[in-house]
Amino acid sequence: MQHGITLKPSRQLAGQRVLVVEDEALVAMLVEDSLQEAGATVIGPAATVDEALALIRNGGVDAAVLDVNLRGERVTRVVERLAWLQVPFVFATGYDASCDAGMQTGAPVLQKPFDLERLTSALVSII
């Protein structure tokens, strides 16, 4: 920002459809807003594994942001489905980076609280 002029946010995710799987409403809203500012179309957010699987079944998912634990249930089934469809994803979790996030050790792990710009960068790097 220079002399009161606000620069337009980066559109690094323009044209990408990103599934958000997060059971904390405030976190889901922040992630959704950040992704939309980066140009993404947000699918969801899904607060449960079943909701996430239903959204994936509808198709058109280019990438996903996954919380590891949704109301006490691990996202393993979501991870397996996304991996089978070859849809890249990022974990956004309260656990540390060494957590067992569903057998996908190559997926980036962002520990909460995380910087929303890091989330965008992580998604850009995997898409």
Protein backbone atom coordinates (compact mmCIF):
# COMPACT_ATOMS: atom_id res chain seq x y z
CA MET A 1 0.00 0.00 0.00
CA GLN A 2 1.44 3.30 -1.09
CA HIS A 3 -0.12 6.70 -0.48
CA GLY A 4 -3.52 5.20 0.35
CA ILE A 5 -3.66 2.98 -2.75
CA THR A 6 -4.53 -0.64 -2.06
CA LEU A 7 -2.90 -3.09 -4.43
CA LYS A 8 -5.13 -5.76 -5.91
CA PRO A 9 -4.65 -9.15 -4.20
CA SER A 10 -2.76 -11.83 -6.07
CA ARG A 11 -4.89 -14.04 -8.31
CA GLN A 12 -2.50 -17.02 -8.11
CA LEU A 13 -5.36 -19.51 -7.83
CA ALA A 14 -7.56 -18.07 -10.59
CA GLY A 15 -9.64 -20.77 -12.23
CA GLN A 16 -8.91 -23.38 -9.54
CA ARG A 17 -11.72 -25.13 -7.66
CA VAL A 18 -10.53 -25.76 -4.09
CA LEU A 19 -12.39 -27.96 -1.62
CA VAL A 20 -12.23 -26.73 1.98
CA VAL A 21 -12.70 -29.40 4.66
CA GLU A 22 -12.76 -27.75 8.09
CA ASP A 23 -15.04 -28.22 11.09
CA GLU A 24 -14.28 -24.89 12.82
CA ALA A 25 -16.61 -22.32 11.22
CA LEU A 26 -14.36 -19.31 11.82
CA VAL A 27 -11.30 -21.03 10.37
CA ALA A 28 -13.36 -22.24 7.39
CA MET A 29 -14.57 -18.67 6.71
CA LEU A 30 -11.04 -17.25 6.91
CA VAL A 31 -9.68 -19.92 4.56
CA GLU A 32 -12.60 -19.44 2.17
CA ASP A 33 -12.11 -15.65 2.06
CA SER A 34 -8.37 -16.00 1.52
CA LEU A 35 -8.79 -18.51 -1.31
CA GLN A 36 -11.42 -16.36 -3.01
CA GLU A 37 -9.11 -13.34 -2.80
CA ALA A 38 -6.48 -15.47 -4.54
CA GLY A 39 -8.97 -16.18 -7.33
CA ALA A 40 -10.10 -19.69 -6.40
CA THR A 41 -13.64 -20.97 -6.49
CA VAL A 42 -14.26 -22.52 -3.07
CA ILE A 43 -16.16 -25.77 -2.83
CA GLY A 44 -17.73 -26.27 0.58
CA PRO A 45 -16.68 -25.83 3.23
CA ALA A 46 -17.39 -29.34 4.44
CA ALA A 47 -17.45 -29.87 8.21
CA THR A 48 -17.64 -33.68 8.18
CA VAL A 49 -16.03 -36.54 6.27
CA ASP A 50 -19.38 -37.49 4.71
CA GLU A 51 -19.98 -33.90 3.51
CA ALA A 52 -16.48 -33.80 1.99
CA LEU A 53 -16.99 -37.11 0.20
CA ALA A 54 -20.32 -35.90 -1.21
CA LEU A 55 -18.68 -32.74 -2.57
CA ILE A 56 -15.87 -34.78 -4.11
CA ARG A 57 -18.45 -37.06 -5.72
CA ASN A 58 -19.96 -34.00 -7.41
CA GLY A 59 -16.62 -33.58 -9.22
CA GLY A 60 -14.65 -30.61 -10.41
CA VAL A 61 -12.17 -30.43 -7.53
CA ASP A 62 -8.68 -29.22 -8.50
CA ALA A 63 -7.17 -29.16 -4.98
CA ALA A 64 -8.20 -29.36 -1.34
CA VAL A 65 -7.41 -27.95 2.09
CA LEU A 66 -8.01 -30.60 4.76
CA ASP A 67 -8.21 -30.43 8.52
CA VAL A 68 -6.93 -33.76 9.87
CA ASN A 69 -9.56 -34.22 12.57
CA LEU A 70 -13.22 -33.38 11.95
CA ARG A 71 -15.30 -33.62 15.09
CA GLY A 72 -13.29 -36.60 16.28
CA GLU A 73 -13.11 -38.36 12.90
CA ARG A 74 -9.88 -38.56 10.90
CA VAL A 75 -10.04 -37.46 7.24
CA THR A 76 -8.47 -40.71 6.06
CA ARG A 77 -11.37 -41.62 3.74
CA VAL A 78 -11.23 -38.16 2.16
CA VAL A 79 -7.45 -38.45 1.71
CA GLU A 80 -7.82 -41.87 0.10
CA ARG A 81 -10.48 -40.62 -2.31
CA LEU A 82 -8.51 -37.52 -3.31
CA ALA A 83 -5.34 -39.58 -3.79
CA TRP A 84 -7.23 -42.07 -5.97
CA LEU A 85 -8.54 -39.16 -8.09
CA GLN A 86 -5.03 -37.61 -8.15
CA VAL A 87 -6.30 -34.37 -6.59
CA PRO A 88 -3.53 -32.62 -4.64
CA PHE A 89 -4.19 -31.39 -1.13
CA VAL A 90 -2.74 -29.51 1.81
CA PHE A 91 -3.31 -30.39 5.45
CA ALA A 92 -4.26 -27.48 7.73
CA THR A 93 -4.22 -28.85 11.25
CA GLY A 94 -3.71 -28.16 14.91
CA TYR A 95 -1.35 -31.15 15.00
CA ASP A 96 2.33 -30.71 14.23
CA ALA A 97 3.95 -31.64 10.92
CA SER A 98 4.85 -35.13 12.19
CA CYS A 99 1.19 -36.13 12.59
CA ASP A 100 -0.14 -39.21 10.81
CA ALA A 101 -2.36 -37.34 8.40
CA GLY A 102 -3.62 -40.32 6.47
CA MET A 103 -0.68 -42.04 4.83
CA GLN A 104 0.06 -39.14 2.47
CA THR A 105 3.41 -38.02 3.85
CA GLY A 106 4.18 -35.95 0.74
CA ALA A 107 1.30 -33.53 1.28
CA PRO A 108 2.24 -30.16 2.77
CA VAL A 109 1.21 -29.70 6.42
CA LEU A 110 0.38 -26.24 7.75
CA GLN A 111 0.12 -26.12 11.52
CA LYS A 112 -2.65 -23.92 12.94
CA PRO A 113 -2.54 -21.04 13.35
CA PHE A 114 -0.97 -20.52 9.93
CA ASP A 115 -0.45 -17.52 7.72
CA LEU A 116 -3.07 -17.45 4.96
CA GLU A 117 -0.42 -16.41 2.41
CA ARG A 118 1.45 -19.64 3.25
CA LEU A 119 -1.73 -21.56 2.48
CA THR A 120 -2.01 -19.93 -0.94
CA SER A 121 1.67 -20.60 -1.63
CA ALA A 122 1.33 -24.24 -0.58
CA LEU A 123 -1.65 -24.71 -2.90
CA VAL A 124 0.12 -23.04 -5.81
CA SER A 125 3.10 -25.34 -5.29
CA ILE A 126 1.01 -28.53 -5.52
CA ILE A 127 -1.39 -27.60 -8.31
